[in-house]
PDB file of all heavy atoms in Angstrom:
ATOM      1  N   PHE A   1     157.475 130.668 107.173  1.00  0.00           N
ATOM      2  CA  PHE A   1     158.411 130.562 108.301  1.00  0.00           C
ATOM      3  C   PHE A   1     159.807 130.799 108.018  1.00  0.00           C
ATOM      4  O   PHE A   1     160.622 131.486 108.705  1.00  0.00           O
ATOM      5  CB  PHE A   1     158.102 129.255 108.966  1.00  0.00           C
ATOM      6  CG  PHE A   1     158.998 128.994 110.061  1.00  0.00           C
ATOM      7  CD1 PHE A   1     158.560 129.330 111.417  1.00  0.00           C
ATOM      8  CD2 PHE A   1     160.119 128.262 110.061  1.00  0.00           C
ATOM      9  CE1 PHE A   1     159.382 129.089 112.485  1.00  0.00           C
ATOM     10  CE2 PHE A   1     160.975 127.984 111.093  1.00  0.00           C
ATOM     11  CZ  PHE A   1     160.650 128.545 112.399  1.00  0.00           C
ATOM     12  N   ARG A   2     160.182 130.178 106.827  1.00  0.00           N
ATOM     13  CA  ARG A   2     161.735 130.292 106.575  1.00  0.00           C
ATOM     14  C   ARG A   2     162.221 131.667 106.250  1.00  0.00           C
ATOM     15  O   ARG A   2     163.291 132.022 106.541  1.00  0.00           O
ATOM     16  CB  ARG A   2     162.012 129.335 105.333  1.00  0.00           C
ATOM     17  CG  ARG A   2     162.290 127.856 105.718  1.00  0.00           C
ATOM     18  CD  ARG A   2     162.539 126.988 104.576  1.00  0.00           C
ATOM     19  NE  ARG A   2     161.344 126.995 103.706  1.00  0.00           N
ATOM     20  CZ  ARG A   2     160.185 126.322 103.977  1.00  0.00           C
ATOM     21  NH1 ARG A   2     160.116 125.593 105.246  1.00  0.00           N
ATOM     22  NH2 ARG A   2     159.221 126.304 103.276  1.00  0.00           N
ATOM     23  N   SER A   3     161.303 132.413 105.561  1.00  0.00           N
ATOM     24  CA  SER A   3     161.863 133.838 105.251  1.00  0.00           C
ATOM     25  C   SER A   3     161.532 134.820 106.387  1.00  0.00           C
ATOM     26  O   SER A   3     162.269 135.783 106.574  1.00  0.00           O
ATOM     27  CB  SER A   3     161.161 134.344 103.907  1.00  0.00           C
ATOM     28  OG  SER A   3     159.743 134.357 104.109  1.00  0.00           O
ATOM     29  N   ASP A   4     160.424 134.699 107.101  1.00  0.00           N
ATOM     30  CA  ASP A   4     159.970 135.672 107.964  1.00  0.00           C
ATOM     31  C   ASP A   4     160.009 135.145 109.522  1.00  0.00           C
ATOM     32  O   ASP A   4     160.030 136.064 110.361  1.00  0.00           O
ATOM     33  CB  ASP A   4     158.529 136.071 107.763  1.00  0.00           C
ATOM     34  CG  ASP A   4     158.341 136.532 106.379  1.00  0.00           C
ATOM     35  OD1 ASP A   4     159.300 137.127 105.741  1.00  0.00           O
ATOM     36  OD2 ASP A   4     157.340 136.452 105.742  1.00  0.00           O
ATOM     37  N   GLY A   5     160.170 133.864 109.775  1.00  0.00           N
ATOM     38  CA  GLY A   5     160.253 133.384 111.145  1.00  0.00           C
ATOM     39  C   GLY A   5     158.780 133.129 111.732  1.00  0.00           C
ATOM     40  O   GLY A   5     158.748 132.773 112.886  1.00  0.00           O
ATOM     41  N   PHE A   6     157.895 133.048 110.937  1.00  0.00           N
ATOM     42  CA  PHE A   6     156.447 132.843 111.378  1.00  0.00           C
ATOM     43  C   PHE A   6     155.585 132.664 110.047  1.00  0.00           C
ATOM     44  O   PHE A   6     156.041 132.986 109.062  1.00  0.00           O
ATOM     45  CB  PHE A   6     155.909 134.011 112.187  1.00  0.00           C
ATOM     46  CG  PHE A   6     155.891 135.370 111.422  1.00  0.00           C
ATOM     47  CD1 PHE A   6     154.809 135.789 110.704  1.00  0.00           C
ATOM     48  CD2 PHE A   6     156.969 136.136 111.478  1.00  0.00           C
ATOM     49  CE1 PHE A   6     154.853 136.941 110.071  1.00  0.00           C
ATOM     50  CE2 PHE A   6     157.182 137.386 110.828  1.00  0.00           C
ATOM     51  CZ  PHE A   6     155.948 137.817 110.102  1.00  0.00           C
ATOM     52  N   TYR A   7     154.317 132.100 110.370  1.00  0.00           N
ATOM     53  CA  TYR A   7     153.379 132.049 109.298  1.00  0.00           C
ATOM     54  C   TYR A   7     152.292 133.115 109.616  1.00  0.00           C
ATOM     55  O   TYR A   7     151.944 133.283 110.713  1.00  0.00           O
ATOM     56  CB  TYR A   7     152.670 130.768 109.242  1.00  0.00           C
ATOM     57  CG  TYR A   7     153.546 129.609 108.924  1.00  0.00           C
ATOM     58  CD1 TYR A   7     154.057 128.749 109.855  1.00  0.00           C
ATOM     59  CD2 TYR A   7     153.999 129.343 107.607  1.00  0.00           C
ATOM     60  CE1 TYR A   7     155.021 127.679 109.508  1.00  0.00           C
ATOM     61  CE2 TYR A   7     154.771 128.191 107.253  1.00  0.00           C
ATOM     62  CZ  TYR A   7     155.299 127.516 108.214  1.00  0.00           C
ATOM     63  OH  TYR A   7     156.081 126.423 107.930  1.00  0.00           O
ATOM     64  N   LEU A   8     151.771 133.770 108.628  1.00  0.00           N
ATOM     65  CA  LEU A   8     150.573 134.686 108.783  1.00  0.00           C
ATOM     66  C   LEU A   8     149.437 134.173 108.108  1.00  0.00           C
ATOM     67  O   LEU A   8     149.583 133.996 106.825  1.00  0.00           O
ATOM     68  CB  LEU A   8     150.879 136.082 108.401  1.00  0.00           C
ATOM     69  CG  LEU A   8     149.720 136.994 108.335  1.00  0.00           C
ATOM     70  CD1 LEU A   8     149.039 137.213 109.572  1.00  0.00           C
ATOM     71  CD2 LEU A   8     150.144 138.383 107.711  1.00  0.00           C
ATOM     72  N   TYR A   9     148.427 133.823 108.701  1.00  0.00           N
ATOM     73  CA  TYR A   9     147.141 133.396 108.051  1.00  0.00           C
ATOM     74  C   TYR A   9     146.134 134.541 108.101  1.00  0.00           C
ATOM     75  O   TYR A   9     145.624 134.844 109.316  1.00  0.00           O
ATOM     76  CB  TYR A   9     146.648 132.036 108.701  1.00  0.00           C
ATOM     77  CG  TYR A   9     145.164 131.799 108.447  1.00  0.00           C
ATOM     78  CD1 TYR A   9     144.444 132.051 107.270  1.00  0.00           C
ATOM     79  CD2 TYR A   9     144.427 130.978 109.386  1.00  0.00           C
ATOM     80  CE1 TYR A   9     143.206 131.651 106.892  1.00  0.00           C
ATOM     81  CE2 TYR A   9     143.132 130.709 109.125  1.00  0.00           C
ATOM     82  CZ  TYR A   9     142.444 130.908 107.940  1.00  0.00           C
ATOM     83  OH  TYR A   9     141.190 130.662 107.676  1.00  0.00           O
ATOM     84  N   ILE A  10     145.812 135.144 107.049  1.00  0.00           N
ATOM     85  CA  ILE A  10     144.678 136.088 107.066  1.00  0.00           C
ATOM     86  C   ILE A  10     143.426 135.434 106.747  1.00  0.00           C
ATOM     87  O   ILE A  10     143.243 134.726 105.750  1.00  0.00           O
ATOM     88  CB  ILE A  10     144.974 137.286 106.046  1.00  0.00           C
ATOM     89  CG1 ILE A  10     146.279 137.948 106.326  1.00  0.00           C
ATOM     90  CG2 ILE A  10     143.826 138.200 105.826  1.00  0.00           C
ATOM     91  CD1 ILE A  10     146.655 139.018 105.307  1.00  0.00           C
ATOM     92  N   ASN A  11     142.532 135.652 107.679  1.00  0.00           N
ATOM     93  CA  ASN A  11     141.045 135.142 107.569  1.00  0.00           C
ATOM     94  C   ASN A  11     140.172 136.339 107.243  1.00  0.00           C
ATOM     95  O   ASN A  11     139.974 137.224 108.065  1.00  0.00           O
ATOM     96  CB  ASN A  11     140.674 134.290 108.622  1.00  0.00           C
ATOM     97  CG  ASN A  11     139.258 133.728 108.530  1.00  0.00           C
ATOM     98  OD1 ASN A  11     139.096 132.721 107.789  1.00  0.00           O
ATOM     99  ND2 ASN A  11     138.245 134.486 108.988  1.00  0.00           N
ATOM    100  N   ASN A  12     139.541 136.305 106.072  1.00  0.00           N
ATOM    101  CA  ASN A  12     138.504 137.395 105.737  1.00  0.00           C
ATOM    102  C   ASN A  12     137.181 136.849 106.166  1.00  0.00           C
ATOM    103  O   ASN A  12     136.614 135.864 105.658  1.00  0.00           O
ATOM    104  CB  ASN A  12     138.614 137.529 104.236  1.00  0.00           C
ATOM    105  CG  ASN A  12     137.612 138.538 103.637  1.00  0.00           C
ATOM    106  OD1 ASN A  12     136.614 138.774 104.123  1.00  0.00           O
ATOM    107  ND2 ASN A  12     138.146 139.329 102.695  1.00  0.00           N
ATOM    108  N   SER A  13     136.444 137.663 106.965  1.00  0.00           N
ATOM    109  CA  SER A  13     135.240 137.178 107.650  1.00  0.00           C
ATOM    110  C   SER A  13     134.124 137.036 106.584  1.00  0.00           C
ATOM    111  O   SER A  13     134.082 137.729 105.583  1.00  0.00           O
ATOM    112  CB  SER A  13     134.845 138.024 108.741  1.00  0.00           C
ATOM    113  OG  SER A  13     134.374 139.311 108.287  1.00  0.00           O
ATOM    114  N   HIS A  14     133.148 136.217 106.868  1.00  0.00           N
ATOM    115  CA  HIS A  14     131.914 136.110 106.062  1.00  0.00           C
ATOM    116  C   HIS A  14     130.820 136.326 106.961  1.00  0.00           C
ATOM    117  O   HIS A  14     130.869 136.189 108.172  1.00  0.00           O
ATOM    118  CB  HIS A  14     131.907 134.615 105.450  1.00  0.00           C
ATOM    119  CG  HIS A  14     133.082 134.336 104.469  1.00  0.00           C
ATOM    120  ND1 HIS A  14     134.403 134.207 104.934  1.00  0.00           N
ATOM    121  CD2 HIS A  14     133.131 134.289 103.266  1.00  0.00           C
ATOM    122  CE1 HIS A  14     135.227 133.942 103.994  1.00  0.00           C
ATOM    123  NE2 HIS A  14     134.444 133.934 102.827  1.00  0.00           N
ATOM    124  N   GLU A  15     129.588 136.556 106.342  1.00  0.00           N
ATOM    125  CA  GLU A  15     128.349 136.678 107.125  1.00  0.00           C
ATOM    126  C   GLU A  15     128.038 135.288 107.838  1.00  0.00           C
ATOM    127  O   GLU A  15     127.973 134.309 107.130  1.00  0.00           O
ATOM    128  CB  GLU A  15     127.214 137.112 106.168  1.00  0.00           C
ATOM    129  CG  GLU A  15     127.485 138.402 105.497  1.00  0.00           C
ATOM    130  CD  GLU A  15     126.424 138.586 104.415  1.00  0.00           C
ATOM    131  OE1 GLU A  15     125.227 138.305 104.658  1.00  0.00           O
ATOM    132  OE2 GLU A  15     126.808 139.098 103.444  1.00  0.00           O
ATOM    133  N   MET A  16     127.839 135.383 108.964  1.00  0.00           N
ATOM    134  CA  MET A  16     127.355 134.155 109.775  1.00  0.00           C
ATOM    135  C   MET A  16     125.924 134.338 110.057  1.00  0.00           C
ATOM    136  O   MET A  16     125.362 135.251 110.301  1.00  0.00           O
ATOM    137  CB  MET A  16     128.107 134.123 111.035  1.00  0.00           C
ATOM    138  CG  MET A  16     129.579 133.804 111.043  1.00  0.00           C
ATOM    139  SD  MET A  16     129.840 131.986 110.626  1.00  0.00           S
ATOM    140  CE  MET A  16     129.518 131.305 112.226  1.00  0.00           C
ATOM    141  N   PRO A  17     125.265 133.198 110.090  1.00  0.00           N
ATOM    142  CA  PRO A  17     125.639 131.684 109.704  1.00  0.00           C
ATOM    143  C   PRO A  17     125.670 131.502 108.221  1.00  0.00           C
ATOM    144  O   PRO A  17     125.957 130.334 107.897  1.00  0.00           O
ATOM    145  CB  PRO A  17     124.714 130.970 110.536  1.00  0.00           C
ATOM    146  CG  PRO A  17     123.414 131.785 110.321  1.00  0.00           C
ATOM    147  CD  PRO A  17     123.742 133.182 110.406  1.00  0.00           C
ATOM    148  N   ARG A  18     125.441 132.417 107.385  1.00  0.00           N
ATOM    149  CA  ARG A  18     125.227 132.046 105.988  1.00  0.00           C
ATOM    150  C   ARG A  18     126.358 131.536 105.356  1.00  0.00           C
ATOM    151  O   ARG A  18     126.288 130.520 104.578  1.00  0.00           O
ATOM    152  CB  ARG A  18     124.867 133.384 105.262  1.00  0.00           C
ATOM    153  CG  ARG A  18     124.744 133.269 103.657  1.00  0.00           C
ATOM    154  CD  ARG A  18     124.486 134.641 103.052  1.00  0.00           C
ATOM    155  NE  ARG A  18     124.351 134.481 101.642  1.00  0.00           N
ATOM    156  CZ  ARG A  18     124.538 135.634 100.770  1.00  0.00           C
ATOM    157  NH1 ARG A  18     124.523 136.792 101.251  1.00  0.00           N
ATOM    158  NH2 ARG A  18     124.324 135.361  99.474  1.00  0.00           N
ATOM    159  N   PHE A  19     127.620 131.983 105.760  1.00  0.00           N
ATOM    160  CA  PHE A  19     128.806 131.406 105.177  1.00  0.00           C
ATOM    161  C   PHE A  19     129.679 130.647 106.079  1.00  0.00           C
ATOM    162  O   PHE A  19     130.921 130.684 105.996  1.00  0.00           O
ATOM    163  CB  PHE A  19     129.712 132.684 104.580  1.00  0.00           C
ATOM    164  CG  PHE A  19     128.984 133.285 103.451  1.00  0.00           C
ATOM    165  CD1 PHE A  19     128.457 134.554 103.556  1.00  0.00           C
ATOM    166  CD2 PHE A  19     128.861 132.678 102.234  1.00  0.00           C
ATOM    167  CE1 PHE A  19     127.894 135.237 102.471  1.00  0.00           C
ATOM    168  CE2 PHE A  19     128.295 133.211 101.173  1.00  0.00           C
ATOM    169  CZ  PHE A  19     127.740 134.537 101.121  1.00  0.00           C
ATOM    170  N   GLU A  20     129.063 129.968 107.127  1.00  0.00           N
ATOM    171  CA  GLU A  20     129.819 129.204 107.958  1.00  0.00           C
ATOM    172  C   GLU A  20     130.597 128.081 107.353  1.00  0.00           C
ATOM    173  O   GLU A  20     131.679 127.854 107.701  1.00  0.00           O
ATOM    174  CB  GLU A  20     128.875 128.584 109.043  1.00  0.00           C
ATOM    175  CG  GLU A  20     129.534 127.677 110.070  1.00  0.00           C
ATOM    176  CD  GLU A  20     128.570 127.073 111.015  1.00  0.00           C
ATOM    177  OE1 GLU A  20     127.478 127.564 111.230  1.00  0.00           O
ATOM    178  OE2 GLU A  20     128.960 125.996 111.582  1.00  0.00           O
ATOM    179  N   ARG A  21     130.047 127.489 106.352  1.00  0.00           N
ATOM    180  CA  ARG A  21     130.640 126.589 105.483  1.00  0.00           C
ATOM    181  C   ARG A  21     132.050 127.041 104.965  1.00  0.00           C
ATOM    182  O   ARG A  21     133.049 126.302 105.051  1.00  0.00           O
ATOM    183  CB  ARG A  21     129.737 126.011 104.416  1.00  0.00           C
ATOM    184  CG  ARG A  21     130.486 125.162 103.298  1.00  0.00           C
ATOM    185  CD  ARG A  21     129.418 124.799 102.293  1.00  0.00           C
ATOM    186  NE  ARG A  21     130.111 124.203 101.091  1.00  0.00           N
ATOM    187  CZ  ARG A  21     130.671 124.823 100.070  1.00  0.00           C
ATOM    188  NH1 ARG A  21     130.716 126.117  99.980  1.00  0.00           N
ATOM    189  NH2 ARG A  21     131.238 124.050  99.074  1.00  0.00           N
ATOM    190  N   ASP A  22     131.922 128.245 104.440  1.00  0.00           N
ATOM    191  CA  ASP A  22     133.218 128.830 103.717  1.00  0.00           C
ATOM    192  C   ASP A  22     134.169 129.066 104.826  1.00  0.00           C
ATOM    193  O   ASP A  22     135.422 128.729 104.577  1.00  0.00           O
ATOM    194  CB  ASP A  22     132.775 130.077 103.082  1.00  0.00           C
ATOM    195  CG  ASP A  22     132.045 129.916 101.860  1.00  0.00           C
ATOM    196  OD1 ASP A  22     131.677 128.761 101.535  1.00  0.00           O
ATOM    197  OD2 ASP A  22     131.538 130.952 101.177  1.00  0.00           O
ATOM    198  N   TYR A  23     133.877 129.573 105.934  1.00  0.00           N
ATOM    199  CA  TYR A  23     134.722 129.758 107.081  1.00  0.00           C
ATOM    200  C   TYR A  23     135.471 128.506 107.429  1.00  0.00           C
ATOM    201  O   TYR A  23     136.823 128.559 107.566  1.00  0.00           O
ATOM    202  CB  TYR A  23     133.959 130.150 108.322  1.00  0.00           C
ATOM    203  CG  TYR A  23     134.069 131.521 108.906  1.00  0.00           C
ATOM    204  CD1 TYR A  23     133.179 132.394 108.800  1.00  0.00           C
ATOM    205  CD2 TYR A  23     135.489 132.050 109.233  1.00  0.00           C
ATOM    206  CE1 TYR A  23     133.225 133.672 109.249  1.00  0.00           C
ATOM    207  CE2 TYR A  23     135.563 133.307 109.699  1.00  0.00           C
ATOM    208  CZ  TYR A  23     134.562 134.157 109.653  1.00  0.00           C
ATOM    209  OH  TYR A  23     134.662 135.420 110.250  1.00  0.00           O
ATOM    210  N   ARG A  24     134.834 127.392 107.448  1.00  0.00           N
ATOM    211  CA  ARG A  24     135.474 126.187 107.954  1.00  0.00           C
ATOM    212  C   ARG A  24     136.418 125.659 106.842  1.00  0.00           C
ATOM    213  O   ARG A  24     137.500 125.177 107.146  1.00  0.00           O
ATOM    214  CB  ARG A  24     134.335 125.044 108.326  1.00  0.00           C
ATOM    215  CG  ARG A  24     133.467 125.469 109.464  1.00  0.00           C
ATOM    216  CD  ARG A  24     132.430 124.484 109.836  1.00  0.00           C
ATOM    217  NE  ARG A  24     131.676 124.882 111.023  1.00  0.00           N
ATOM    218  CZ  ARG A  24     132.002 124.753 112.304  1.00  0.00           C
ATOM    219  NH1 ARG A  24     133.159 124.152 112.558  1.00  0.00           N
ATOM    220  NH2 ARG A  24     131.189 125.049 113.152  1.00  0.00           N
ATOM    221  N   LEU A  25     135.869 125.499 105.692  1.00  0.00           N
ATOM    222  CA  LEU A  25     136.643 124.795 104.646  1.00  0.00           C
ATOM    223  C   LEU A  25     137.835 125.630 104.206  1.00  0.00           C
ATOM    224  O   LEU A  25     138.950 125.139 103.762  1.00  0.00           O
ATOM    225  CB  LEU A  25     135.812 124.351 103.493  1.00  0.00           C
ATOM    226  CG  LEU A  25     135.094 125.335 102.551  1.00  0.00           C
ATOM    227  CD1 LEU A  25     136.111 125.829 101.409  1.00  0.00           C
ATOM    228  CD2 LEU A  25     133.931 124.685 101.862  1.00  0.00           C
ATOM    229  N   ILE A  26     137.747 127.043 104.260  1.00  0.00           N
ATOM    230  CA  ILE A  26     138.853 127.876 103.875  1.00  0.00           C
ATOM    231  C   ILE A  26     139.886 127.835 104.850  1.00  0.00           C
ATOM    232  O   ILE A  26     141.084 127.663 104.661  1.00  0.00           O
ATOM    233  CB  ILE A  26     138.404 129.177 103.577  1.00  0.00           C
ATOM    234  CG1 ILE A  26     137.526 129.340 102.297  1.00  0.00           C
ATOM    235  CG2 ILE A  26     139.561 130.368 103.563  1.00  0.00           C
ATOM    236  CD1 ILE A  26     136.901 130.793 102.290  1.00  0.00           C
ATOM    237  N   ALA A  27     139.575 127.726 106.103  1.00  0.00           N
ATOM    238  CA  ALA A  27     140.596 127.563 107.196  1.00  0.00           C
ATOM    239  C   ALA A  27     141.302 126.205 106.964  1.00  0.00           C
ATOM    240  O   ALA A  27     142.573 126.107 107.030  1.00  0.00           O
ATOM    241  CB  ALA A  27     139.957 127.569 108.648  1.00  0.00           C
ATOM    242  N   LEU A  28     140.542 125.139 106.666  1.00  0.00           N
ATOM    243  CA  LEU A  28     141.252 123.819 106.474  1.00  0.00           C
ATOM    244  C   LEU A  28     142.164 123.815 105.160  1.00  0.00           C
ATOM    245  O   LEU A  28     143.154 123.193 105.248  1.00  0.00           O
ATOM    246  CB  LEU A  28     140.145 122.748 106.285  1.00  0.00           C
ATOM    247  CG  LEU A  28     139.247 122.431 107.588  1.00  0.00           C
ATOM    248  CD1 LEU A  28     138.194 121.522 107.157  1.00  0.00           C
ATOM    249  CD2 LEU A  28     140.178 121.799 108.600  1.00  0.00           C
ATOM    250  N   HIS A  29     141.763 124.576 104.144  1.00  0.00           N
ATOM    251  CA  HIS A  29     142.499 124.748 103.035  1.00  0.00           C
ATOM    252  C   HIS A  29     143.762 125.534 103.410  1.00  0.00           C
ATOM    253  O   HIS A  29     145.037 125.013 103.032  1.00  0.00           O
ATOM    254  CB  HIS A  29     141.750 125.551 102.006  1.00  0.00           C
ATOM    255  CG  HIS A  29     142.395 126.067 100.747  1.00  0.00           C
ATOM    256  ND1 HIS A  29     142.075 125.653  99.472  1.00  0.00           N
ATOM    257  CD2 HIS A  29     143.626 126.762 100.533  1.00  0.00           C
ATOM    258  CE1 HIS A  29     142.821 126.150  98.609  1.00  0.00           C
ATOM    259  NE2 HIS A  29     143.857 126.859  99.272  1.00  0.00           N
ATOM    260  N   GLU A  30     143.766 126.766 104.004  1.00  0.00           N
ATOM    261  CA  GLU A  30     144.984 127.589 104.302  1.00  0.00           C
ATOM    262  C   GLU A  30     145.888 126.828 105.246  1.00  0.00           C
ATOM    263  O   GLU A  30     147.098 126.897 105.085  1.00  0.00           O
ATOM    264  CB  GLU A  30     144.548 128.827 104.894  1.00  0.00           C
ATOM    265  CG  GLU A  30     143.611 129.798 103.853  1.00  0.00           C
ATOM    266  CD  GLU A  30     144.388 130.024 102.588  1.00  0.00           C
ATOM    267  OE1 GLU A  30     145.528 129.817 102.428  1.00  0.00           O
ATOM    268  OE2 GLU A  30     143.600 130.403 101.656  1.00  0.00           O
ATOM    269  N   LEU A  31     145.355 126.127 106.274  1.00  0.00           N
ATOM    270  CA  LEU A  31     146.268 125.468 107.195  1.00  0.00           C
ATOM    271  C   LEU A  31     146.932 124.263 106.638  1.00  0.00           C
ATOM    272  O   LEU A  31     147.928 123.844 107.076  1.00  0.00           O
ATOM    273  CB  LEU A  31     145.404 125.117 108.519  1.00  0.00           C
ATOM    274  CG  LEU A  31     145.035 126.444 109.291  1.00  0.00           C
ATOM    275  CD1 LEU A  31     144.076 126.099 110.333  1.00  0.00           C
ATOM    276  CD2 LEU A  31     146.234 127.124 109.816  1.00  0.00           C
ATOM    277  N   PHE A  32     146.268 123.640 105.604  1.00  0.00           N
ATOM    278  CA  PHE A  32     146.932 122.533 104.748  1.00  0.00           C
ATOM    279  C   PHE A  32     148.185 123.179 104.137  1.00  0.00           C
ATOM    280  O   PHE A  32     149.282 122.503 104.009  1.00  0.00           O
ATOM    281  CB  PHE A  32     146.047 121.905 103.733  1.00  0.00           C
ATOM    282  CG  PHE A  32     146.606 120.694 103.155  1.00  0.00           C
ATOM    283  CD1 PHE A  32     146.826 119.544 103.717  1.00  0.00           C
ATOM    284  CD2 PHE A  32     147.167 120.894 101.851  1.00  0.00           C
ATOM    285  CE1 PHE A  32     147.497 118.464 103.172  1.00  0.00           C
ATOM    286  CE2 PHE A  32     147.797 119.720 101.245  1.00  0.00           C
ATOM    287  CZ  PHE A  32     147.884 118.531 101.854  1.00  0.00           C
ATOM    288  N   HIS A  33     148.118 124.418 103.614  1.00  0.00           N
ATOM    289  CA  HIS A  33     149.375 125.055 103.165  1.00  0.00           C
ATOM    290  C   HIS A  33     150.472 125.141 104.245  1.00  0.00           C
ATOM    291  O   HIS A  33     151.646 124.939 103.877  1.00  0.00           O
ATOM    292  CB  HIS A  33     149.100 126.451 102.580  1.00  0.00           C
ATOM    293  CG  HIS A  33     148.365 126.505 101.272  1.00  0.00           C
ATOM    294  ND1 HIS A  33     148.672 125.531 100.195  1.00  0.00           N
ATOM    295  CD2 HIS A  33     147.343 127.207 100.747  1.00  0.00           C
ATOM    296  CE1 HIS A  33     147.885 125.887  99.266  1.00  0.00           C
ATOM    297  NE2 HIS A  33     147.026 126.902  99.555  1.00  0.00           N
ATOM    298  N   VAL A  34     150.125 125.439 105.425  1.00  0.00           N
ATOM    299  CA  VAL A  34     151.171 125.514 106.526  1.00  0.00           C
ATOM    300  C   VAL A  34     151.740 124.148 106.698  1.00  0.00           C
ATOM    301  O   VAL A  34     152.920 123.916 106.768  1.00  0.00           O
ATOM    302  CB  VAL A  34     150.514 125.950 107.874  1.00  0.00           C
ATOM    303  CG1 VAL A  34     151.584 125.849 109.016  1.00  0.00           C
ATOM    304  CG2 VAL A  34     150.097 127.318 107.713  1.00  0.00           C
ATOM    305  N   TYR A  35     150.939 123.009 106.640  1.00  0.00           N
ATOM    306  CA  TYR A  35     151.389 121.687 106.660  1.00  0.00           C
ATOM    307  C   TYR A  35     152.443 121.414 105.439  1.00  0.00           C
ATOM    308  O   TYR A  35     153.447 120.903 105.623  1.00  0.00           O
ATOM    309  CB  TYR A  35     150.325 120.640 106.646  1.00  0.00           C
ATOM    310  CG  TYR A  35     150.774 119.221 106.350  1.00  0.00           C
ATOM    311  CD1 TYR A  35     151.296 118.591 107.462  1.00  0.00           C
ATOM    312  CD2 TYR A  35     150.736 118.583 105.116  1.00  0.00           C
ATOM    313  CE1 TYR A  35     151.775 117.225 107.358  1.00  0.00           C
ATOM    314  CE2 TYR A  35     151.176 117.363 105.004  1.00  0.00           C
ATOM    315  CZ  TYR A  35     151.700 116.712 106.089  1.00  0.00           C
ATOM    316  OH  TYR A  35     152.144 115.443 105.908  1.00  0.00           O
ATOM    317  N   GLN A  36     152.059 121.749 104.319  1.00  0.00           N
ATOM    318  CA  GLN A  36     152.902 121.650 103.091  1.00  0.00           C
ATOM    319  C   GLN A  36     154.276 122.308 103.414  1.00  0.00           C
ATOM    320  O   GLN A  36     155.288 121.736 103.069  1.00  0.00           O
ATOM    321  CB  GLN A  36     152.218 122.177 101.892  1.00  0.00           C
ATOM    322  CG  GLN A  36     150.987 121.468 101.372  1.00  0.00           C
ATOM    323  CD  GLN A  36     150.266 122.263 100.241  1.00  0.00           C
ATOM    324  OE1 GLN A  36     150.161 123.422 100.402  1.00  0.00           O
ATOM    325  NE2 GLN A  36     149.818 121.580  99.265  1.00  0.00           N
ATOM    326  N   LEU A  37     154.288 123.685 103.808  1.00  0.00           N
ATOM    327  CA  LEU A  37     155.371 124.345 103.836  1.00  0.00           C
ATOM    328  C   LEU A  37     156.331 123.838 104.906  1.00  0.00           C
ATOM    329  O   LEU A  37     157.543 123.946 104.953  1.00  0.00           O
ATOM    330  CB  LEU A  37     155.113 125.814 104.054  1.00  0.00           C
ATOM    331  CG  LEU A  37     154.437 126.498 102.957  1.00  0.00           C
ATOM    332  CD1 LEU A  37     153.795 127.856 103.380  1.00  0.00           C
ATOM    333  CD2 LEU A  37     155.457 126.790 101.819  1.00  0.00           C
TER     334      LEU A  37
END
């Protein structure tokens, strides 16, 4: 946000439902970075 004026979160898709767990926990991981920043 400070350098660009926004956050960009890129989400790389996984096979559903096989990787549903990964989808969920990776989103929580990356959005914690937004909280940190």
